[in-house]
Amino acid sequence: VSARSADFRDEFNVKREVSWHDVTVERVVSAIAHRYGLKPQISEMLMDIEIDHADQTEESDMSFLTRMAEMLGAITTVKSGNLLFIMPGGGVNAQGQPLPSFAITRSSG
């Protein structure tokens, strides 16, 4: 088993003042992703959720996305140049395709 740490960037810690009006989750996540040169990966079931109004007041982009994700039962993170905004534990990737299954066997210890 191998793992990679989150690809967080210092710019994500900059606090911003943004007021979002009449937008979708896809538009918000995509705008933030493009600000950092990341590719947005959003679960299909989240993309078209409408946001009437949300204020990002003295809040970093990552804090804002995390707060928005928690309200929607989602998670957000940066991995391998992608900004993920996805539903957890569904056994599917951001595009809704099933994840492959595989067996893990203990070989030592």
PDB file of N, CA and C in Angstrom:
ATOM      1  N   VAL A   1       0.852  -1.169   0.000  1.00  0.00           N
ATOM      2  CA  VAL A   1       0.000   0.000   0.000  1.00  0.00           C
ATOM      3  C   VAL A   1       0.895   1.228   0.000  1.00  0.00           C
ATOM      4  N   SER A   2       0.589   2.164  -0.873  1.00  0.00           N
ATOM      5  CA  SER A   2       1.324   3.426  -0.882  1.00  0.00           C
ATOM      6  C   SER A   2       0.327   4.571  -0.838  1.00  0.00           C
ATOM      7  N   ALA A   3       0.787   5.719  -0.395  1.00  0.00           N
ATOM      8  CA  ALA A   3      -0.102   6.876  -0.277  1.00  0.00           C
ATOM      9  C   ALA A   3       0.678   8.130  -0.621  1.00  0.00           C
ATOM     10  N   ARG A   4      -0.065   9.172  -0.965  1.00  0.00           N
ATOM     11  CA  ARG A   4       0.535  10.474  -1.242  1.00  0.00           C
ATOM     12  C   ARG A   4      -0.126  11.502  -0.342  1.00  0.00           C
ATOM     13  N   SER A   5       0.634  12.491   0.053  1.00  0.00           N
ATOM     14  CA  SER A   5       0.065  13.551   0.873  1.00  0.00           C
ATOM     15  C   SER A   5      -0.718  14.516  -0.009  1.00  0.00           C
ATOM     16  N   ALA A   6      -1.536  15.326   0.629  1.00  0.00           N
ATOM     17  CA  ALA A   6      -2.319  16.321  -0.096  1.00  0.00           C
ATOM     18  C   ALA A   6      -1.385  17.324  -0.766  1.00  0.00           C
ATOM     19  N   ASP A   7      -1.782  17.793  -1.946  1.00  0.00           N
ATOM     20  CA  ASP A   7      -0.990  18.727  -2.740  1.00  0.00           C
ATOM     21  C   ASP A   7      -1.423  20.158  -2.417  1.00  0.00           C
ATOM     22  N   PHE A   8      -1.360  20.555  -1.138  1.00  0.00           N
ATOM     23  CA  PHE A   8      -1.783  21.899  -0.770  1.00  0.00           C
ATOM     24  C   PHE A   8      -0.709  22.896  -1.146  1.00  0.00           C
ATOM     25  N   ARG A   9      -1.133  24.062  -1.510  1.00  0.00           N
ATOM     26  CA  ARG A   9      -0.221  25.114  -1.931  1.00  0.00           C
ATOM     27  C   ARG A   9      -0.377  26.303  -0.997  1.00  0.00           C
ATOM     28  N   ASP A  10       0.701  27.040  -0.800  1.00  0.00           N
ATOM     29  CA  ASP A  10       0.673  28.181   0.111  1.00  0.00           C
ATOM     30  C   ASP A  10      -0.414  29.187  -0.253  1.00  0.00           C
ATOM     31  N   GLU A  11      -0.668  29.347  -1.543  1.00  0.00           N
ATOM     32  CA  GLU A  11      -1.679  30.321  -1.970  1.00  0.00           C
ATOM     33  C   GLU A  11      -3.063  30.000  -1.408  1.00  0.00           C
ATOM     34  N   PHE A  12      -3.311  28.730  -1.111  1.00  0.00           N
ATOM     35  CA  PHE A  12      -4.611  28.340  -0.567  1.00  0.00           C
ATOM     36  C   PHE A  12      -4.860  28.962   0.801  1.00  0.00           C
ATOM     37  N   ASN A  13      -3.816  29.439   1.469  1.00  0.00           N
ATOM     38  CA  ASN A  13      -3.965  30.010   2.805  1.00  0.00           C
ATOM     39  C   ASN A  13      -4.279  31.500   2.787  1.00  0.00           C
ATOM     40  N   VAL A  14      -4.296  32.118   1.611  1.00  0.00           N
ATOM     41  CA  VAL A  14      -4.613  33.540   1.502  1.00  0.00           C
ATOM     42  C   VAL A  14      -6.096  33.745   1.791  1.00  0.00           C
ATOM     43  N   LYS A  15      -6.383  34.659   2.722  1.00  0.00           N
ATOM     44  CA  LYS A  15      -7.785  34.945   3.060  1.00  0.00           C
ATOM     45  C   LYS A  15      -8.365  35.895   2.023  1.00  0.00           C
ATOM     46  N   ARG A  16      -9.585  35.591   1.613  1.00  0.00           N
ATOM     47  CA  ARG A  16     -10.227  36.356   0.541  1.00  0.00           C
ATOM     48  C   ARG A  16     -11.588  36.881   0.978  1.00  0.00           C
ATOM     49  N   GLU A  17     -12.057  37.869   0.224  1.00  0.00           N
ATOM     50  CA  GLU A  17     -13.399  38.427   0.383  1.00  0.00           C
ATOM     51  C   GLU A  17     -14.121  38.214  -0.936  1.00  0.00           C
ATOM     52  N   VAL A  18     -15.014  37.231  -0.981  1.00  0.00           N
ATOM     53  CA  VAL A  18     -15.761  36.942  -2.204  1.00  0.00           C
ATOM     54  C   VAL A  18     -17.211  36.709  -1.824  1.00  0.00           C
ATOM     55  N   SER A  19     -18.109  37.263  -2.605  1.00  0.00           N
ATOM     56  CA  SER A  19     -19.532  37.016  -2.416  1.00  0.00           C
ATOM     57  C   SER A  19     -20.039  36.288  -3.656  1.00  0.00           C
ATOM     58  N   TRP A  20     -20.498  35.064  -3.469  1.00  0.00           N
ATOM     59  CA  TRP A  20     -20.972  34.225  -4.571  1.00  0.00           C
ATOM     60  C   TRP A  20     -22.490  34.344  -4.653  1.00  0.00           C
ATOM     61  N   HIS A  21     -23.009  34.649  -5.851  1.00  0.00           N
ATOM     62  CA  HIS A  21     -24.453  34.810  -6.047  1.00  0.00           C
ATOM     63  C   HIS A  21     -24.923  34.003  -7.247  1.00  0.00           C
ATOM     64  N   ASP A  22     -26.033  33.299  -7.078  1.00  0.00           N
ATOM     65  CA  ASP A  22     -26.679  32.578  -8.188  1.00  0.00           C
ATOM     66  C   ASP A  22     -25.680  31.772  -9.016  1.00  0.00           C
ATOM     67  N   VAL A  23     -24.968  30.880  -8.360  1.00  0.00           N
ATOM     68  CA  VAL A  23     -23.979  30.033  -9.021  1.00  0.00           C
ATOM     69  C   VAL A  23     -24.243  28.575  -8.670  1.00  0.00           C
ATOM     70  N   THR A  24     -23.609  27.688  -9.405  1.00  0.00           N
ATOM     71  CA  THR A  24     -23.677  26.262  -9.088  1.00  0.00           C
ATOM     72  C   THR A  24     -22.389  25.855  -8.370  1.00  0.00           C
ATOM     73  N   VAL A  25     -22.437  24.695  -7.735  1.00  0.00           N
ATOM     74  CA  VAL A  25     -21.236  24.148  -7.109  1.00  0.00           C
ATOM     75  C   VAL A  25     -20.130  24.027  -8.151  1.00  0.00           C
ATOM     76  N   GLU A  26     -20.487  23.559  -9.336  1.00  0.00           N
ATOM     77  CA  GLU A  26     -19.490  23.406 -10.399  1.00  0.00           C
ATOM     78  C   GLU A  26     -18.786  24.729 -10.695  1.00  0.00           C
ATOM     79  N   ARG A  27     -19.529  25.799 -10.760  1.00  0.00           N
ATOM     80  CA  ARG A  27     -18.939  27.099 -11.095  1.00  0.00           C
ATOM     81  C   ARG A  27     -17.989  27.578  -9.995  1.00  0.00           C
ATOM     82  N   VAL A  28     -18.390  27.411  -8.738  1.00  0.00           N
ATOM     83  CA  VAL A  28     -17.544  27.838  -7.619  1.00  0.00           C
ATOM     84  C   VAL A  28     -16.255  27.024  -7.580  1.00  0.00           C
ATOM     85  N   VAL A  29     -16.396  25.703  -7.609  1.00  0.00           N
ATOM     86  CA  VAL A  29     -15.217  24.828  -7.526  1.00  0.00           C
ATOM     87  C   VAL A  29     -14.299  25.051  -8.725  1.00  0.00           C
ATOM     88  N   SER A  30     -14.868  25.190  -9.904  1.00  0.00           N
ATOM     89  CA  SER A  30     -14.060  25.412 -11.111  1.00  0.00           C
ATOM     90  C   SER A  30     -13.308  26.739 -11.044  1.00  0.00           C
ATOM     91  N   ALA A  31     -13.976  27.789 -10.579  1.00  0.00           N
ATOM     92  CA  ALA A  31     -13.324  29.101 -10.475  1.00  0.00           C
ATOM     93  C   ALA A  31     -12.136  29.039  -9.523  1.00  0.00           C
ATOM     94  N   ILE A  32     -12.329  28.387  -8.390  1.00  0.00           N
ATOM     95  CA  ILE A  32     -11.243  28.281  -7.415  1.00  0.00           C
ATOM     96  C   ILE A  32     -10.129  27.389  -7.954  1.00  0.00           C
ATOM     97  N   ALA A  33     -10.482  26.286  -8.578  1.00  0.00           N
ATOM     98  CA  ALA A  33      -9.470  25.381  -9.145  1.00  0.00           C
ATOM     99  C   ALA A  33      -8.608  26.111 -10.170  1.00  0.00           C
ATOM    100  N   HIS A  34      -9.242  26.851 -11.056  1.00  0.00           N
ATOM    101  CA  HIS A  34      -8.495  27.542 -12.109  1.00  0.00           C
ATOM    102  C   HIS A  34      -7.599  28.643 -11.551  1.00  0.00           C
ATOM    103  N   ARG A  35      -7.982  29.226 -10.432  1.00  0.00           N
ATOM    104  CA  ARG A  35      -7.155  30.249  -9.790  1.00  0.00           C
ATOM    105  C   ARG A  35      -5.773  29.690  -9.438  1.00  0.00           C
ATOM    106  N   TYR A  36      -5.705  28.394  -9.175  1.00  0.00           N
ATOM    107  CA  TYR A  36      -4.451  27.750  -8.760  1.00  0.00           C
ATOM    108  C   TYR A  36      -3.876  26.821  -9.819  1.00  0.00           C
ATOM    109  N   GLY A  37      -4.439  26.836 -10.999  1.00  0.00           N
ATOM    110  CA  GLY A  37      -3.941  25.972 -12.062  1.00  0.00           C
ATOM    111  C   GLY A  37      -4.249  24.506 -11.830  1.00  0.00           C
ATOM    112  N   LEU A  38      -5.335  24.230 -11.116  1.00  0.00           N
ATOM    113  CA  LEU A  38      -5.748  22.858 -10.830  1.00  0.00           C
ATOM    114  C   LEU A  38      -6.898  22.451 -11.738  1.00  0.00           C
ATOM    115  N   LYS A  39      -7.073  21.162 -11.919  1.00  0.00           N
ATOM    116  CA  LYS A  39      -8.192  20.641 -12.698  1.00  0.00           C
ATOM    117  C   LYS A  39      -9.318  20.285 -11.724  1.00  0.00           C
ATOM    118  N   PRO A  40     -10.512  20.861 -11.909  1.00  0.00           N
ATOM    119  CA  PRO A  40     -11.618  20.520 -11.010  1.00  0.00           C
ATOM    120  C   PRO A  40     -12.171  19.126 -11.309  1.00  0.00           C
ATOM    121  N   GLN A  41     -12.374  18.344 -10.272  1.00  0.00           N
ATOM    122  CA  GLN A  41     -12.994  17.024 -10.373  1.00  0.00           C
ATOM    123  C   GLN A  41     -14.158  17.026  -9.389  1.00  0.00           C
ATOM    124  N   ILE A  42     -15.380  17.070  -9.918  1.00  0.00           N
ATOM    125  CA  ILE A  42     -16.574  17.247  -9.093  1.00  0.00           C
ATOM    126  C   ILE A  42     -17.527  16.087  -9.333  1.00  0.00           C
ATOM    127  N   SER A  43     -18.045  15.514  -8.250  1.00  0.00           N
ATOM    128  CA  SER A  43     -19.036  14.442  -8.390  1.00  0.00           C
ATOM    129  C   SER A  43     -20.232  14.964  -9.169  1.00  0.00           C
ATOM    130  N   GLU A  44     -20.714  14.145 -10.097  1.00  0.00           N
ATOM    131  CA  GLU A  44     -21.847  14.558 -10.932  1.00  0.00           C
ATOM    132  C   GLU A  44     -23.045  14.980 -10.103  1.00  0.00           C
ATOM    133  N   MET A  45     -23.294  14.286  -9.000  1.00  0.00           N
ATOM    134  CA  MET A  45     -24.474  14.596  -8.198  1.00  0.00           C
ATOM    135  C   MET A  45     -24.360  15.944  -7.474  1.00  0.00           C
ATOM    136  N   LEU A  46     -23.181  16.531  -7.458  1.00  0.00           N
ATOM    137  CA  LEU A  46     -22.978  17.822  -6.794  1.00  0.00           C
ATOM    138  C   LEU A  46     -22.915  18.990  -7.772  1.00  0.00           C
ATOM    139  N   MET A  47     -22.562  18.729  -9.009  1.00  0.00           N
ATOM    140  CA  MET A  47     -22.262  19.782  -9.981  1.00  0.00           C
ATOM    141  C   MET A  47     -23.352  20.838 -10.134  1.00  0.00           C
ATOM    142  N   ASP A  48     -24.581  20.412 -10.237  1.00  0.00           N
ATOM    143  CA  ASP A  48     -25.664  21.338 -10.568  1.00  0.00           C
ATOM    144  C   ASP A  48     -26.401  21.898  -9.363  1.00  0.00           C
ATOM    145  N   ILE A  49     -25.908  21.629  -8.158  1.00  0.00           N
ATOM    146  CA  ILE A  49     -26.550  22.202  -6.970  1.00  0.00           C
ATOM    147  C   ILE A  49     -26.382  23.714  -7.030  1.00  0.00           C
ATOM    148  N   GLU A  50     -27.493  24.417  -6.872  1.00  0.00           N
ATOM    149  CA  GLU A  50     -27.479  25.874  -6.973  1.00  0.00           C
ATOM    150  C   GLU A  50     -27.202  26.517  -5.624  1.00  0.00           C
ATOM    151  N   ILE A  51     -26.389  27.544  -5.662  1.00  0.00           N
ATOM    152  CA  ILE A  51     -26.070  28.327  -4.476  1.00  0.00           C
ATOM    153  C   ILE A  51     -26.622  29.726  -4.712  1.00  0.00           C
ATOM    154  N   ASP A  52     -27.654  30.080  -3.961  1.00  0.00           N
ATOM    155  CA  ASP A  52     -28.258  31.402  -4.115  1.00  0.00           C
ATOM    156  C   ASP A  52     -27.292  32.497  -3.662  1.00  0.00           C
ATOM    157  N   HIS A  53     -26.692  32.270  -2.484  1.00  0.00           N
ATOM    158  CA  HIS A  53     -25.777  33.271  -1.947  1.00  0.00           C
ATOM    159  C   HIS A  53     -24.847  32.612  -0.931  1.00  0.00           C
ATOM    160  N   ALA A  54     -23.565  32.895  -1.037  1.00  0.00           N
ATOM    161  CA  ALA A  54     -22.579  32.431  -0.057  1.00  0.00           C
ATOM    162  C   ALA A  54     -21.473  33.468   0.038  1.00  0.00           C
ATOM    163  N   ASP A  55     -21.127  33.830   1.266  1.00  0.00           N
ATOM    164  CA  ASP A  55     -20.052  34.794   1.481  1.00  0.00           C
ATOM    165  C   ASP A  55     -18.795  34.093   1.957  1.00  0.00           C
ATOM    166  N   GLN A  56     -17.707  34.461   1.354  1.00  0.00           N
ATOM    167  CA  GLN A  56     -16.377  34.007   1.758  1.00  0.00           C
ATOM    168  C   GLN A  56     -15.703  35.237   2.359  1.00  0.00           C
ATOM    169  N   THR A  57     -15.840  35.396   3.676  1.00  0.00           N
ATOM    170  CA  THR A  57     -15.374  36.592   4.358  1.00  0.00           C
ATOM    171  C   THR A  57     -14.141  36.289   5.190  1.00  0.00           C
ATOM    172  N   GLU A  58     -13.000  36.903   4.816  1.00  0.00           N
ATOM    173  CA  GLU A  58     -11.742  36.661   5.524  1.00  0.00           C
ATOM    174  C   GLU A  58     -11.509  35.165   5.708  1.00  0.00           C
ATOM    175  N   GLU A  59     -11.676  34.431   4.617  1.00  0.00           N
ATOM    176  CA  GLU A  59     -11.593  32.971   4.644  1.00  0.00           C
ATOM    177  C   GLU A  59     -10.773  32.508   3.444  1.00  0.00           C
ATOM    178  N   SER A  60      -9.896  31.550   3.665  1.00  0.00           N
ATOM    179  CA  SER A  60      -9.114  31.016   2.549  1.00  0.00           C
ATOM    180  C   SER A  60     -10.026  30.214   1.629  1.00  0.00           C
ATOM    181  N   ASP A  61      -9.574  30.022   0.394  1.00  0.00           N
ATOM    182  CA  ASP A  61     -10.366  29.240  -0.557  1.00  0.00           C
ATOM    183  C   ASP A  61     -10.594  27.822  -0.045  1.00  0.00           C
ATOM    184  N   MET A  62      -9.560  27.218   0.546  1.00  0.00           N
ATOM    185  CA  MET A  62      -9.712  25.845   1.024  1.00  0.00           C
ATOM    186  C   MET A  62     -10.677  25.776   2.197  1.00  0.00           C
ATOM    187  N   SER A  63     -10.635  26.746   3.090  1.00  0.00           N
ATOM    188  CA  SER A  63     -11.587  26.774   4.207  1.00  0.00           C
ATOM    189  C   SER A  63     -13.009  26.941   3.697  1.00  0.00           C
ATOM    190  N   PHE A  64     -13.176  27.817   2.711  1.00  0.00           N
ATOM    191  CA  PHE A  64     -14.505  28.027   2.140  1.00  0.00           C
ATOM    192  C   PHE A  64     -15.021  26.755   1.477  1.00  0.00           C
ATOM    193  N   LEU A  65     -14.171  26.098   0.676  1.00  0.00           N
ATOM    194  CA  LEU A  65     -14.590  24.858   0.015  1.00  0.00           C
ATOM    195  C   LEU A  65     -14.907  23.766   1.030  1.00  0.00           C
ATOM    196  N   THR A  66     -14.115  23.683   2.087  1.00  0.00           N
ATOM    197  CA  THR A  66     -14.363  22.680   3.124  1.00  0.00           C
ATOM    198  C   THR A  66     -15.698  22.943   3.806  1.00  0.00           C
ATOM    199  N   ARG A  67     -15.975  24.198   4.108  1.00  0.00           N
ATOM    200  CA  ARG A  67     -17.259  24.556   4.736  1.00  0.00           C
ATOM    201  C   ARG A  67     -18.424  24.223   3.808  1.00  0.00           C
ATOM    202  N   MET A  68     -18.283  24.557   2.534  1.00  0.00           N
ATOM    203  CA  MET A  68     -19.333  24.255   1.561  1.00  0.00           C
ATOM    204  C   MET A  68     -19.518  22.746   1.428  1.00  0.00           C
ATOM    205  N   ALA A  69     -18.419  22.003   1.386  1.00  0.00           N
ATOM    206  CA  ALA A  69     -18.492  20.543   1.271  1.00  0.00           C
ATOM    207  C   ALA A  69     -19.210  19.941   2.472  1.00  0.00           C
ATOM    208  N   GLU A  70     -18.885  20.402   3.675  1.00  0.00           N
ATOM    209  CA  GLU A  70     -19.528  19.870   4.879  1.00  0.00           C
ATOM    210  C   GLU A  70     -21.034  20.093   4.851  1.00  0.00           C
ATOM    211  N   MET A  71     -21.466  21.246   4.359  1.00  0.00           N
ATOM    212  CA  MET A  71     -22.906  21.524   4.274  1.00  0.00           C
ATOM    213  C   MET A  71     -23.604  20.578   3.304  1.00  0.00           C
ATOM    214  N   LEU A  72     -22.871  20.086   2.305  1.00  0.00           N
ATOM    215  CA  LEU A  72     -23.448  19.219   1.277  1.00  0.00           C
ATOM    216  C   LEU A  72     -23.154  17.739   1.519  1.00  0.00           C
ATOM    217  N   GLY A  73     -22.466  17.419   2.614  1.00  0.00           N
ATOM    218  CA  GLY A  73     -22.115  16.026   2.885  1.00  0.00           C
ATOM    219  C   GLY A  73     -21.009  15.510   1.989  1.00  0.00           C
ATOM    220  N   ALA A  74     -20.202  16.417   1.465  1.00  0.00           N
ATOM    221  CA  ALA A  74     -19.123  16.060   0.540  1.00  0.00           C
ATOM    222  C   ALA A  74     -17.773  16.265   1.221  1.00  0.00           C
ATOM    223  N   ILE A  75     -16.716  15.978   0.480  1.00  0.00           N
ATOM    224  CA  ILE A  75     -15.357  16.264   0.938  1.00  0.00           C
ATOM    225  C   ILE A  75     -14.620  16.993  -0.180  1.00  0.00           C
ATOM    226  N   THR A  76     -13.603  17.736   0.200  1.00  0.00           N
ATOM    227  CA  THR A  76     -12.783  18.421  -0.797  1.00  0.00           C
ATOM    228  C   THR A  76     -11.319  18.300  -0.418  1.00  0.00           C
ATOM    229  N   THR A  77     -10.481  18.133  -1.419  1.00  0.00           N
ATOM    230  CA  THR A  77      -9.043  18.019  -1.205  1.00  0.00           C
ATOM    231  C   THR A  77      -8.326  18.250  -2.529  1.00  0.00           C
ATOM    232  N   VAL A  78      -7.027  18.413  -2.451  1.00  0.00           N
ATOM    233  CA  VAL A  78      -6.199  18.570  -3.643  1.00  0.00           C
ATOM    234  C   VAL A  78      -5.295  17.353  -3.740  1.00  0.00           C
ATOM    235  N   LYS A  79      -5.341  16.676  -4.877  1.00  0.00           N
ATOM    236  CA  LYS A  79      -4.512  15.493  -5.115  1.00  0.00           C
ATOM    237  C   LYS A  79      -4.011  15.510  -6.554  1.00  0.00           C
ATOM    238  N   SER A  80      -2.720  15.354  -6.714  1.00  0.00           N
ATOM    239  CA  SER A  80      -2.097  15.196  -8.040  1.00  0.00           C
ATOM    240  C   SER A  80      -2.559  16.237  -9.053  1.00  0.00           C
ATOM    241  N   GLY A  81      -2.604  17.495  -8.638  1.00  0.00           N
ATOM    242  CA  GLY A  81      -2.984  18.563  -9.554  1.00  0.00           C
ATOM    243  C   GLY A  81      -4.471  18.686  -9.811  1.00  0.00           C
ATOM    244  N   ASN A  82      -5.293  17.963  -9.034  1.00  0.00           N
ATOM    245  CA  ASN A  82      -6.748  18.018  -9.166  1.00  0.00           C
ATOM    246  C   ASN A  82      -7.362  18.574  -7.892  1.00  0.00           C
ATOM    247  N   LEU A  83      -8.362  19.427  -8.041  1.00  0.00           N
ATOM    248  CA  LEU A  83      -9.159  19.870  -6.904  1.00  0.00           C
ATOM    249  C   LEU A  83     -10.396  18.981  -6.877  1.00  0.00           C
ATOM    250  N   LEU A  84     -10.460  18.097  -5.889  1.00  0.00           N
ATOM    251  CA  LEU A  84     -11.569  17.155  -5.780  1.00  0.00           C
ATOM    252  C   LEU A  84     -12.668  17.734  -4.908  1.00  0.00           C
ATOM    253  N   PHE A  85     -13.897  17.607  -5.358  1.00  0.00           N
ATOM    254  CA  PHE A  85     -15.081  17.981  -4.589  1.00  0.00           C
ATOM    255  C   PHE A  85     -16.056  16.841  -4.828  1.00  0.00           C
ATOM    256  N   ILE A  86     -16.052  15.873  -3.912  1.00  0.00           N
ATOM    257  CA  ILE A  86     -16.716  14.593  -4.176  1.00  0.00           C
ATOM    258  C   ILE A  86     -17.502  14.096  -2.970  1.00  0.00           C
ATOM    259  N   MET A  87     -18.379  13.135  -3.231  1.00  0.00           N
ATOM    260  CA  MET A  87     -19.109  12.447  -2.171  1.00  0.00           C
ATOM    261  C   MET A  87     -18.218  11.327  -1.645  1.00  0.00           C
ATOM    262  N   PRO A  88     -18.092  11.196  -0.333  1.00  0.00           N
ATOM    263  CA  PRO A  88     -17.213  10.161   0.216  1.00  0.00           C
ATOM    264  C   PRO A  88     -17.868   8.783   0.237  1.00  0.00           C
ATOM    265  N   GLY A  89     -17.033   7.766   0.138  1.00  0.00           N
ATOM    266  CA  GLY A  89     -17.474   6.397   0.367  1.00  0.00           C
ATOM    267  C   GLY A  89     -18.434   5.803  -0.623  1.00  0.00           C
ATOM    268  N   GLY A  90     -18.531   6.356  -1.793  1.00  0.00           N
ATOM    269  CA  GLY A  90     -19.481   5.842  -2.773  1.00  0.00           C
ATOM    270  C   GLY A  90     -18.936   4.749  -3.663  1.00  0.00           C
ATOM    271  N   GLY A  91     -17.639   4.496  -3.587  1.00  0.00           N
ATOM    272  CA  GLY A  91     -17.039   3.474  -4.438  1.00  0.00           C
ATOM    273  C   GLY A  91     -16.949   3.878  -5.893  1.00  0.00           C
ATOM    274  N   VAL A  92     -17.046   5.204  -6.143  1.00  0.00           N
ATOM    275  CA  VAL A  92     -16.948   5.716  -7.509  1.00  0.00           C
ATOM    276  C   VAL A  92     -15.966   6.883  -7.524  1.00  0.00           C
ATOM    277  N   ASN A  93     -15.414   7.169  -8.712  1.00  0.00           N
ATOM    278  CA  ASN A  93     -14.527   8.320  -8.840  1.00  0.00           C
ATOM    279  C   ASN A  93     -15.361   9.580  -9.070  1.00  0.00           C
ATOM    280  N   ALA A  94     -14.690  10.704  -9.284  1.00  0.00           N
ATOM    281  CA  ALA A  94     -15.398  11.974  -9.453  1.00  0.00           C
ATOM    282  C   ALA A  94     -16.326  11.975 -10.660  1.00  0.00           C
ATOM    283  N   GLN A  95     -16.048  11.128 -11.657  1.00  0.00           N
ATOM    284  CA  GLN A  95     -16.904  11.048 -12.843  1.00  0.00           C
ATOM    285  C   GLN A  95     -18.049  10.056 -12.661  1.00  0.00           C
ATOM    286  N   GLY A  96     -18.133   9.423 -11.495  1.00  0.00           N
ATOM    287  CA  GLY A  96     -19.208   8.472 -11.244  1.00  0.00           C
ATOM    288  C   GLY A  96     -18.908   7.058 -11.697  1.00  0.00           C
ATOM    289  N   GLN A  97     -17.695   6.805 -12.154  1.00  0.00           N
ATOM    290  CA  GLN A  97     -17.320   5.461 -12.601  1.00  0.00           C
ATOM    291  C   GLN A  97     -16.898   4.628 -11.391  1.00  0.00           C
ATOM    292  N   PRO A  98     -17.277   3.335 -11.374  1.00  0.00           N
ATOM    293  CA  PRO A  98     -16.919   2.491 -10.229  1.00  0.00           C
ATOM    294  C   PRO A  98     -15.407   2.332 -10.087  1.00  0.00           C
ATOM    295  N   LEU A  99     -14.961   2.357  -8.845  1.00  0.00           N
ATOM    296  CA  LEU A  99     -13.550   2.109  -8.570  1.00  0.00           C
ATOM    297  C   LEU A  99     -13.284   0.613  -8.652  1.00  0.00           C
ATOM    298  N   PRO A 100     -12.121   0.220  -9.167  1.00  0.00           N
ATOM    299  CA  PRO A 100     -11.820  -1.214  -9.240  1.00  0.00           C
ATOM    300  C   PRO A 100     -11.608  -1.781  -7.838  1.00  0.00           C
ATOM    301  N   SER A 101     -11.968  -3.030  -7.671  1.00  0.00           N
ATOM    302  CA  SER A 101     -11.722  -3.684  -6.387  1.00  0.00           C
ATOM    303  C   SER A 101     -10.488  -4.561  -6.514  1.00  0.00           C
ATOM    304  N   PHE A 102      -9.815  -4.767  -5.416  1.00  0.00           N
ATOM    305  CA  PHE A 102      -8.647  -5.640  -5.411  1.00  0.00           C
ATOM    306  C   PHE A 102      -8.453  -6.180  -4.006  1.00  0.00           C
ATOM    307  N   ALA A 103      -7.788  -7.313  -3.929  1.00  0.00           N
ATOM    308  CA  ALA A 103      -7.538  -7.964  -2.647  1.00  0.00           C
ATOM    309  C   ALA A 103      -6.170  -7.548  -2.118  1.00  0.00           C
ATOM    310  N   ILE A 104      -6.116  -7.299  -0.839  1.00  0.00           N
ATOM    311  CA  ILE A 104      -4.855  -6.991  -0.180  1.00  0.00           C
ATOM    312  C   ILE A 104      -4.498  -8.200   0.677  1.00  0.00           C
ATOM    313  N   THR A 105      -3.323  -8.738   0.437  1.00  0.00           N
ATOM    314  CA  THR A 105      -2.885  -9.892   1.222  1.00  0.00           C
ATOM    315  C   THR A 105      -1.639  -9.524   2.005  1.00  0.00           C
ATOM    316  N   ARG A 106      -1.551 -10.078   3.164  1.00  0.00           N
ATOM    317  CA  ARG A 106      -0.404  -9.817   4.026  1.00  0.00           C
ATOM    318  C   ARG A 106       0.748 -10.705   3.583  1.00  0.00           C
ATOM    319  N   SER A 107       1.893 -10.098   3.328  1.00  0.00           N
ATOM    320  CA  SER A 107       3.018 -10.895   2.849  1.00  0.00           C
ATOM    321  C   SER A 107       4.159 -10.977   3.858  1.00  0.00           C
ATOM    322  N   SER A 108       4.119 -10.134   4.870  1.00  0.00           N
ATOM    323  CA  SER A 108       5.148 -10.221   5.905  1.00  0.00           C
ATOM    324  C   SER A 108       4.621  -9.621   7.199  1.00  0.00           C
ATOM    325  N   GLY A 109       5.263  -9.991   8.313  1.00  0.00           N
ATOM    326  CA  GLY A 109       4.910  -9.418   9.608  1.00  0.00           C
ATOM    327  C   GLY A 109       3.781 -10.075  10.218  1.00  0.00           C
TER     328      GLY A 109
END
